[in-house]
PDB file of N, CA and C in Angstrom:
ATOM      1  N   MET A   1      -4.266  12.905   9.660  1.00  0.00           N
ATOM      2  CA  MET A   1      -3.225  12.278   8.834  1.00  0.00           C
ATOM      3  C   MET A   1      -2.627  11.335   9.306  1.00  0.00           C
ATOM      4  N   THR A   2      -2.713  10.040   8.738  1.00  0.00           N
ATOM      5  CA  THR A   2      -2.066   8.998   9.448  1.00  0.00           C
ATOM      6  C   THR A   2      -0.713   8.716   8.494  1.00  0.00           C
ATOM      7  N   GLU A   3       0.389   8.270   9.167  1.00  0.00           N
ATOM      8  CA  GLU A   3       1.531   7.868   8.484  1.00  0.00           C
ATOM      9  C   GLU A   3       1.414   6.313   8.954  1.00  0.00           C
ATOM     10  N   PHE A   4       1.788   5.264   7.871  1.00  0.00           N
ATOM     11  CA  PHE A   4       1.767   3.899   8.012  1.00  0.00           C
ATOM     12  C   PHE A   4       3.226   3.316   7.188  1.00  0.00           C
ATOM     13  N   TYR A   5       3.493   2.387   7.676  1.00  0.00           N
ATOM     14  CA  TYR A   5       4.693   1.362   6.734  1.00  0.00           C
ATOM     15  C   TYR A   5       3.819   0.328   6.410  1.00  0.00           C
ATOM     16  N   ILE A   6       4.149   0.018   5.050  1.00  0.00           N
ATOM     17  CA  ILE A   6       4.125  -1.277   4.270  1.00  0.00           C
ATOM     18  C   ILE A   6       5.454  -1.411   3.610  1.00  0.00           C
ATOM     19  N   LYS A   7       5.162  -2.929   3.012  1.00  0.00           N
ATOM     20  CA  LYS A   7       6.117  -3.577   2.412  1.00  0.00           C
ATOM     21  C   LYS A   7       5.447  -3.888   1.005  1.00  0.00           C
ATOM     22  N   VAL A   8       6.238  -3.666  -0.097  1.00  0.00           N
ATOM     23  CA  VAL A   8       5.808  -4.160  -1.213  1.00  0.00           C
ATOM     24  C   VAL A   8       6.457  -5.072  -2.004  1.00  0.00           C
ATOM     25  N   ARG A   9       5.583  -6.154  -2.702  1.00  0.00           N
ATOM     26  CA  ARG A   9       6.366  -6.956  -3.749  1.00  0.00           C
ATOM     27  C   ARG A   9       5.962  -6.702  -5.161  1.00  0.00           C
ATOM     28  N   PRO A  10       6.477  -5.951  -5.793  1.00  0.00           N
ATOM     29  CA  PRO A  10       6.148  -5.638  -7.135  1.00  0.00           C
ATOM     30  C   PRO A  10       6.323  -6.889  -8.358  1.00  0.00           C
ATOM     31  N   GLY A  11       5.703  -7.016  -9.393  1.00  0.00           N
ATOM     32  CA  GLY A  11       5.741  -7.822 -10.516  1.00  0.00           C
ATOM     33  C   GLY A  11       5.110  -9.501  -9.923  1.00  0.00           C
ATOM     34  N   GLU A  12       4.250  -9.388  -9.097  1.00  0.00           N
ATOM     35  CA  GLU A  12       3.739 -10.644  -8.673  1.00  0.00           C
ATOM     36  C   GLU A  12       2.352 -10.801  -9.329  1.00  0.00           C
ATOM     37  N   GLU A  13       1.863 -11.798  -9.489  1.00  0.00           N
ATOM     38  CA  GLU A  13       0.822 -12.493 -10.611  1.00  0.00           C
ATOM     39  C   GLU A  13      -0.827 -11.875 -10.258  1.00  0.00           C
ATOM     40  N   ARG A  14      -0.701 -11.393  -9.004  1.00  0.00           N
ATOM     41  CA  ARG A  14      -2.123 -10.907  -8.881  1.00  0.00           C
ATOM     42  C   ARG A  14      -2.101  -9.719  -7.396  1.00  0.00           C
ATOM     43  N   PHE A  15      -2.920  -8.641  -7.390  1.00  0.00           N
ATOM     44  CA  PHE A  15      -2.626  -8.001  -6.527  1.00  0.00           C
ATOM     45  C   PHE A  15      -3.433  -8.403  -5.190  1.00  0.00           C
ATOM     46  N   ASP A  16      -2.786  -8.206  -3.722  1.00  0.00           N
ATOM     47  CA  ASP A  16      -3.102  -8.802  -2.800  1.00  0.00           C
ATOM     48  C   ASP A  16      -2.355  -7.997  -1.654  1.00  0.00           C
ATOM     49  N   ILE A  17      -3.199  -8.119  -0.330  1.00  0.00           N
ATOM     50  CA  ILE A  17      -2.906  -7.504   1.017  1.00  0.00           C
ATOM     51  C   ILE A  17      -2.426  -8.382   2.082  1.00  0.00           C
ATOM     52  N   ASP A  18      -1.594  -8.801   2.702  1.00  0.00           N
ATOM     53  CA  ASP A  18      -1.373  -9.878   3.799  1.00  0.00           C
ATOM     54  C   ASP A  18      -0.921  -8.841   4.891  1.00  0.00           C
ATOM     55  N   THR A  19      -1.840  -9.209   6.020  1.00  0.00           N
ATOM     56  CA  THR A  19      -1.900  -8.464   7.041  1.00  0.00           C
ATOM     57  C   THR A  19      -1.443  -9.067   8.215  1.00  0.00           C
ATOM     58  N   SER A  20      -0.656 -10.346   7.814  1.00  0.00           N
ATOM     59  CA  SER A  20      -0.450 -11.208   9.009  1.00  0.00           C
ATOM     60  C   SER A  20       0.845 -10.981   9.668  1.00  0.00           C
ATOM     61  N   GLY A  21       1.633  -9.949   9.323  1.00  0.00           N
ATOM     62  CA  GLY A  21       3.180  -9.906   9.769  1.00  0.00           C
ATOM     63  C   GLY A  21       3.148  -8.487  10.357  1.00  0.00           C
ATOM     64  N   THR A  22       4.315  -7.978  10.764  1.00  0.00           N
ATOM     65  CA  THR A  22       4.775  -6.811  11.434  1.00  0.00           C
ATOM     66  C   THR A  22       3.794  -5.493  10.606  1.00  0.00           C
ATOM     67  N   TYR A  23       4.348  -5.544   9.074  1.00  0.00           N
ATOM     68  CA  TYR A  23       3.612  -4.612   8.303  1.00  0.00           C
ATOM     69  C   TYR A  23       2.690  -5.268   7.422  1.00  0.00           C
ATOM     70  N   PRO A  24       1.819  -4.415   7.099  1.00  0.00           N
ATOM     71  CA  PRO A  24       1.047  -4.991   5.663  1.00  0.00           C
ATOM     72  C   PRO A  24       1.928  -5.402   4.301  1.00  0.00           C
ATOM     73  N   VAL A  25       1.981  -6.370   3.763  1.00  0.00           N
ATOM     74  CA  VAL A  25       2.574  -6.235   2.499  1.00  0.00           C
ATOM     75  C   VAL A  25       1.817  -6.486   1.585  1.00  0.00           C
ATOM     76  N   VAL A  26       1.813  -5.815   0.467  1.00  0.00           N
ATOM     77  CA  VAL A  26       0.943  -5.719  -0.937  1.00  0.00           C
ATOM     78  C   VAL A  26       1.709  -6.074  -1.959  1.00  0.00           C
ATOM     79  N   ASP A  27       1.195  -7.058  -2.660  1.00  0.00           N
ATOM     80  CA  ASP A  27       1.681  -7.551  -3.898  1.00  0.00           C
ATOM     81  C   ASP A  27       0.935  -6.660  -4.977  1.00  0.00           C
ATOM     82  N   LEU A  28       1.769  -6.309  -5.824  1.00  0.00           N
ATOM     83  CA  LEU A  28       1.522  -5.265  -6.888  1.00  0.00           C
ATOM     84  C   LEU A  28       1.691  -6.155  -8.303  1.00  0.00           C
ATOM     85  N   GLU A  29       1.022  -6.124  -9.264  1.00  0.00           N
ATOM     86  CA  GLU A  29       0.987  -6.883 -10.632  1.00  0.00           C
ATOM     87  C   GLU A  29       2.002  -5.738 -11.292  1.00  0.00           C
ATOM     88  N   SER A  30       2.453  -4.616 -10.963  1.00  0.00           N
ATOM     89  CA  SER A  30       3.303  -3.862 -11.940  1.00  0.00           C
ATOM     90  C   SER A  30       4.664  -4.244 -11.421  1.00  0.00           C
ATOM     91  N   PRO A  31       5.658  -3.752 -12.614  1.00  0.00           N
ATOM     92  CA  PRO A  31       6.878  -4.090 -12.202  1.00  0.00           C
ATOM     93  C   PRO A  31       7.621  -2.926 -11.595  1.00  0.00           C
ATOM     94  N   ALA A  32       8.748  -3.041 -10.847  1.00  0.00           N
ATOM     95  CA  ALA A  32       9.349  -1.792 -10.277  1.00  0.00           C
ATOM     96  C   ALA A  32      10.116  -1.293 -11.258  1.00  0.00           C
ATOM     97  N   GLU A  33       9.473  -0.689 -12.046  1.00  0.00           N
ATOM     98  CA  GLU A  33      10.297   0.255 -13.254  1.00  0.00           C
ATOM     99  C   GLU A  33       9.554   1.206 -13.570  1.00  0.00           C
ATOM    100  N   LYS A  34      10.371   2.349 -13.441  1.00  0.00           N
ATOM    101  CA  LYS A  34       9.876   3.626 -14.117  1.00  0.00           C
ATOM    102  C   LYS A  34       8.573   4.219 -13.554  1.00  0.00           C
ATOM    103  N   GLY A  35       8.610   3.850 -12.043  1.00  0.00           N
ATOM    104  CA  GLY A  35       7.613   4.068 -10.920  1.00  0.00           C
ATOM    105  C   GLY A  35       6.212   3.346 -11.045  1.00  0.00           C
ATOM    106  N   ARG A  36       6.007   2.498 -12.190  1.00  0.00           N
ATOM    107  CA  ARG A  36       4.945   1.744 -12.324  1.00  0.00           C
ATOM    108  C   ARG A  36       4.365   1.262 -11.132  1.00  0.00           C
ATOM    109  N   ALA A  37       5.126   0.535 -10.294  1.00  0.00           N
ATOM    110  CA  ALA A  37       4.559  -0.231  -8.955  1.00  0.00           C
ATOM    111  C   ALA A  37       4.139   1.073  -8.047  1.00  0.00           C
ATOM    112  N   ASN A  38       4.822   2.245  -7.814  1.00  0.00           N
ATOM    113  CA  ASN A  38       4.418   3.401  -6.939  1.00  0.00           C
ATOM    114  C   ASN A  38       3.304   3.641  -7.279  1.00  0.00           C
ATOM    115  N   GLU A  39       2.884   3.916  -8.986  1.00  0.00           N
ATOM    116  CA  GLU A  39       1.595   4.659  -9.181  1.00  0.00           C
ATOM    117  C   GLU A  39       0.439   3.777  -9.031  1.00  0.00           C
ATOM    118  N   GLU A  40       0.792   2.022  -9.102  1.00  0.00           N
ATOM    119  CA  GLU A  40      -0.361   1.250  -8.786  1.00  0.00           C
ATOM    120  C   GLU A  40      -0.624   1.019  -7.371  1.00  0.00           C
ATOM    121  N   LEU A  41       0.428   1.337  -6.559  1.00  0.00           N
ATOM    122  CA  LEU A  41       0.222   1.384  -5.082  1.00  0.00           C
ATOM    123  C   LEU A  41      -0.659   2.172  -4.556  1.00  0.00           C
ATOM    124  N   VAL A  42      -0.384   3.445  -5.163  1.00  0.00           N
ATOM    125  CA  VAL A  42      -1.278   4.727  -4.706  1.00  0.00           C
ATOM    126  C   VAL A  42      -2.814   4.759  -5.415  1.00  0.00           C
ATOM    127  N   HIS A  43      -2.900   4.224  -6.574  1.00  0.00           N
ATOM    128  CA  HIS A  43      -4.110   3.807  -7.014  1.00  0.00           C
ATOM    129  C   HIS A  43      -4.787   2.959  -6.310  1.00  0.00           C
ATOM    130  N   ARG A  44      -4.453   2.004  -5.960  1.00  0.00           N
ATOM    131  CA  ARG A  44      -4.886   0.851  -5.527  1.00  0.00           C
ATOM    132  C   ARG A  44      -5.791   1.299  -4.045  1.00  0.00           C
ATOM    133  N   LEU A  45      -4.429   1.572  -3.430  1.00  0.00           N
ATOM    134  CA  LEU A  45      -4.933   2.201  -1.862  1.00  0.00           C
ATOM    135  C   LEU A  45      -5.882   3.351  -1.788  1.00  0.00           C
ATOM    136  N   SER A  46      -5.629   4.351  -2.780  1.00  0.00           N
ATOM    137  CA  SER A  46      -6.739   5.328  -2.749  1.00  0.00           C
ATOM    138  C   SER A  46      -8.033   4.793  -2.797  1.00  0.00           C
ATOM    139  N   GLU A  47      -8.280   3.775  -3.953  1.00  0.00           N
ATOM    140  CA  GLU A  47      -9.687   3.136  -4.224  1.00  0.00           C
ATOM    141  C   GLU A  47      -9.959   2.530  -2.833  1.00  0.00           C
ATOM    142  N   ILE A  48      -9.181   1.669  -2.367  1.00  0.00           N
ATOM    143  CA  ILE A  48      -9.563   0.753  -0.999  1.00  0.00           C
ATOM    144  C   ILE A  48     -10.074   1.860  -0.120  1.00  0.00           C
ATOM    145  N   PHE A  49      -9.280   2.747   0.409  1.00  0.00           N
ATOM    146  CA  PHE A  49      -9.766   3.781   1.353  1.00  0.00           C
ATOM    147  C   PHE A  49     -10.694   4.811   1.074  1.00  0.00           C
ATOM    148  N   GLY A  50     -10.898   5.167  -0.094  1.00  0.00           N
ATOM    149  CA  GLY A  50     -11.939   6.127  -0.454  1.00  0.00           C
ATOM    150  C   GLY A  50     -11.398   7.554  -0.349  1.00  0.00           C
ATOM    151  N   GLU A  51     -10.124   7.613   0.208  1.00  0.00           N
ATOM    152  CA  GLU A  51      -9.212   9.013   0.378  1.00  0.00           C
ATOM    153  C   GLU A  51      -7.805   8.802  -0.630  1.00  0.00           C
ATOM    154  N   GLU A  52      -7.405   9.730  -1.031  1.00  0.00           N
ATOM    155  CA  GLU A  52      -6.048   9.824  -1.595  1.00  0.00           C
ATOM    156  C   GLU A  52      -5.150   9.429  -0.586  1.00  0.00           C
ATOM    157  N   ALA A  53      -4.428   8.271  -1.052  1.00  0.00           N
ATOM    158  CA  ALA A  53      -2.908   7.807  -0.582  1.00  0.00           C
ATOM    159  C   ALA A  53      -1.940   8.448  -1.281  1.00  0.00           C
ATOM    160  N   GLY A  54      -0.828   8.405  -0.251  1.00  0.00           N
ATOM    161  CA  GLY A  54       0.365   8.951  -0.927  1.00  0.00           C
ATOM    162  C   GLY A  54       1.754   8.405  -0.469  1.00  0.00           C
ATOM    163  N   ILE A  55       2.640   8.613  -0.889  1.00  0.00           N
ATOM    164  CA  ILE A  55       3.963   7.859  -0.484  1.00  0.00           C
ATOM    165  C   ILE A  55       4.929   9.065   0.160  1.00  0.00           C
ATOM    166  N   VAL A  56       5.189   8.901   1.373  1.00  0.00           N
ATOM    167  CA  VAL A  56       6.081   9.972   2.134  1.00  0.00           C
ATOM    168  C   VAL A  56       7.620   9.600   1.700  1.00  0.00           C
ATOM    169  N   SER A  57       8.063   8.518   1.772  1.00  0.00           N
ATOM    170  CA  SER A  57       9.330   7.879   1.836  1.00  0.00           C
ATOM    171  C   SER A  57       9.191   6.689   1.359  1.00  0.00           C
ATOM    172  N   GLY A  58      10.535   6.107   0.561  1.00  0.00           N
ATOM    173  CA  GLY A  58      10.801   4.906   0.206  1.00  0.00           C
ATOM    174  C   GLY A  58      10.235   4.706  -1.275  1.00  0.00           C
ATOM    175  N   HIS A  59      10.344   5.872  -1.892  1.00  0.00           N
ATOM    176  CA  HIS A  59      10.084   5.736  -3.440  1.00  0.00           C
ATOM    177  C   HIS A  59      10.768   4.407  -4.031  1.00  0.00           C
ATOM    178  N   HIS A  60      11.927   4.346  -3.692  1.00  0.00           N
ATOM    179  CA  HIS A  60      13.060   3.462  -4.487  1.00  0.00           C
ATOM    180  C   HIS A  60      13.149   2.107  -3.726  1.00  0.00           C
ATOM    181  N   SER A  61      12.441   1.906  -2.321  1.00  0.00           N
ATOM    182  CA  SER A  61      12.261   0.893  -1.707  1.00  0.00           C
ATOM    183  C   SER A  61      11.276  -0.139  -1.651  1.00  0.00           C
ATOM    184  N   ARG A  62      11.392  -1.098  -1.210  1.00  0.00           N
ATOM    185  CA  ARG A  62      10.246  -2.135  -0.872  1.00  0.00           C
ATOM    186  C   ARG A  62       9.567  -1.699   0.644  1.00  0.00           C
ATOM    187  N   ARG A  63      10.108  -1.195   1.272  1.00  0.00           N
ATOM    188  CA  ARG A  63       9.415  -0.628   2.416  1.00  0.00           C
ATOM    189  C   ARG A  63       9.203   0.809   2.458  1.00  0.00           C
ATOM    190  N   LYS A  64       7.929   1.388   2.034  1.00  0.00           N
ATOM    191  CA  LYS A  64       7.435   2.713   2.022  1.00  0.00           C
ATOM    192  C   LYS A  64       6.705   3.180   3.171  1.00  0.00           C
ATOM    193  N   LYS A  65       6.739   4.524   3.560  1.00  0.00           N
ATOM    194  CA  LYS A  65       5.924   5.152   4.469  1.00  0.00           C
ATOM    195  C   LYS A  65       4.879   5.497   3.752  1.00  0.00           C
ATOM    196  N   MET A  66       3.551   5.315   4.002  1.00  0.00           N
ATOM    197  CA  MET A  66       2.419   6.066   3.423  1.00  0.00           C
ATOM    198  C   MET A  66       1.795   6.925   4.323  1.00  0.00           C
ATOM    199  N   ILE A  67       0.944   8.002   3.857  1.00  0.00           N
ATOM    200  CA  ILE A  67       0.136   8.723   4.400  1.00  0.00           C
ATOM    201  C   ILE A  67      -1.486   8.775   3.982  1.00  0.00           C
ATOM    202  N   VAL A  68      -2.237   8.762   4.630  1.00  0.00           N
ATOM    203  CA  VAL A  68      -3.740   8.924   4.286  1.00  0.00           C
ATOM    204  C   VAL A  68      -4.506   9.561   5.179  1.00  0.00           C
ATOM    205  N   GLU A  69      -5.586  10.389   5.034  1.00  0.00           N
ATOM    206  CA  GLU A  69      -5.775  11.243   5.560  1.00  0.00           C
ATOM    207  C   GLU A  69      -7.434  10.592   6.425  1.00  0.00           C
ATOM    208  N   MET A  70      -7.122   9.460   7.233  1.00  0.00           N
ATOM    209  CA  MET A  70      -7.946   9.016   8.165  1.00  0.00           C
ATOM    210  C   MET A  70      -7.633   8.494   9.285  1.00  0.00           C
ATOM    211  N   PRO A  71      -8.257   7.978  10.390  1.00  0.00           N
ATOM    212  CA  PRO A  71      -7.722   7.243  11.766  1.00  0.00           C
ATOM    213  C   PRO A  71      -6.684   6.015  11.416  1.00  0.00           C
ATOM    214  N   GLU A  72      -5.803   5.925  12.041  1.00  0.00           N
ATOM    215  CA  GLU A  72      -4.656   4.768  12.200  1.00  0.00           C
ATOM    216  C   GLU A  72      -5.977   3.515  12.063  1.00  0.00           C
ATOM    217  N   LYS A  73      -6.785   3.206  13.172  1.00  0.00           N
ATOM    218  CA  LYS A  73      -7.658   2.378  13.484  1.00  0.00           C
ATOM    219  C   LYS A  73      -8.480   1.989  12.098  1.00  0.00           C
ATOM    220  N   GLU A  74      -8.929   2.819  11.454  1.00  0.00           N
ATOM    221  CA  GLU A  74      -9.611   2.815  10.530  1.00  0.00           C
ATOM    222  C   GLU A  74      -8.866   2.199   9.151  1.00  0.00           C
ATOM    223  N   ILE A  75      -7.761   2.707   9.109  1.00  0.00           N
ATOM    224  CA  ILE A  75      -6.660   2.073   8.124  1.00  0.00           C
ATOM    225  C   ILE A  75      -6.610   0.741   8.280  1.00  0.00           C
ATOM    226  N   GLU A  76      -6.300   0.399   9.703  1.00  0.00           N
ATOM    227  CA  GLU A  76      -6.074  -1.026   9.886  1.00  0.00           C
ATOM    228  C   GLU A  76      -7.230  -1.876   9.623  1.00  0.00           C
ATOM    229  N   GLU A  77      -8.548  -1.533  10.118  1.00  0.00           N
ATOM    230  CA  GLU A  77      -9.485  -2.174   9.811  1.00  0.00           C
ATOM    231  C   GLU A  77      -9.495  -2.512   8.266  1.00  0.00           C
ATOM    232  N   ILE A  78      -9.746  -1.472   7.527  1.00  0.00           N
ATOM    233  CA  ILE A  78      -9.919  -1.585   5.967  1.00  0.00           C
ATOM    234  C   ILE A  78      -8.969  -2.583   5.402  1.00  0.00           C
ATOM    235  N   LEU A  79      -7.601  -2.586   5.967  1.00  0.00           N
ATOM    236  CA  LEU A  79      -6.697  -3.390   5.487  1.00  0.00           C
ATOM    237  C   LEU A  79      -6.926  -4.791   5.721  1.00  0.00           C
ATOM    238  N   GLU A  80      -7.155  -5.163   6.912  1.00  0.00           N
ATOM    239  CA  GLU A  80      -7.593  -6.402   7.200  1.00  0.00           C
ATOM    240  C   GLU A  80      -8.780  -7.008   6.767  1.00  0.00           C
ATOM    241  N   ASP A  81      -9.665  -6.017   6.668  1.00  0.00           N
ATOM    242  CA  ASP A  81     -10.770  -6.736   5.755  1.00  0.00           C
ATOM    243  C   ASP A  81     -10.890  -7.025   4.299  1.00  0.00           C
ATOM    244  N   CYS A  82      -9.592  -6.421   3.547  1.00  0.00           N
ATOM    245  CA  CYS A  82      -9.378  -5.994   2.349  1.00  0.00           C
ATOM    246  C   CYS A  82      -9.288  -7.474   1.783  1.00  0.00           C
ATOM    247  N   PRO A  83     -10.141  -7.849   0.721  1.00  0.00           N
ATOM    248  CA  PRO A  83      -9.885  -9.240   0.264  1.00  0.00           C
ATOM    249  C   PRO A  83      -8.579  -9.312  -1.075  1.00  0.00           C
ATOM    250  N   GLY A  84      -8.145  -8.550  -1.100  1.00  0.00           N
ATOM    251  CA  GLY A  84      -6.985  -8.330  -2.127  1.00  0.00           C
ATOM    252  C   GLY A  84      -7.570  -7.861  -3.499  1.00  0.00           C
TER     253      GLY A  84
END
């Protein structure tokens, strides 16, 4: 299992992942209301990784600690290749 940090921007026009900074920044279409953005984040990342993703901490924050059952290097490669 690998834990990693991301930042989210809820309520954006379209889903996108930017890996150019210190942490990946994930643009989410869902608003940060009633857990909708968190649900979208977990769903989208699970689809991208082909493994169940989960939020370890940061449920009410834009900076989140995520967990996925795959090597860190593979996570980095997938996120960098992700077109959004």
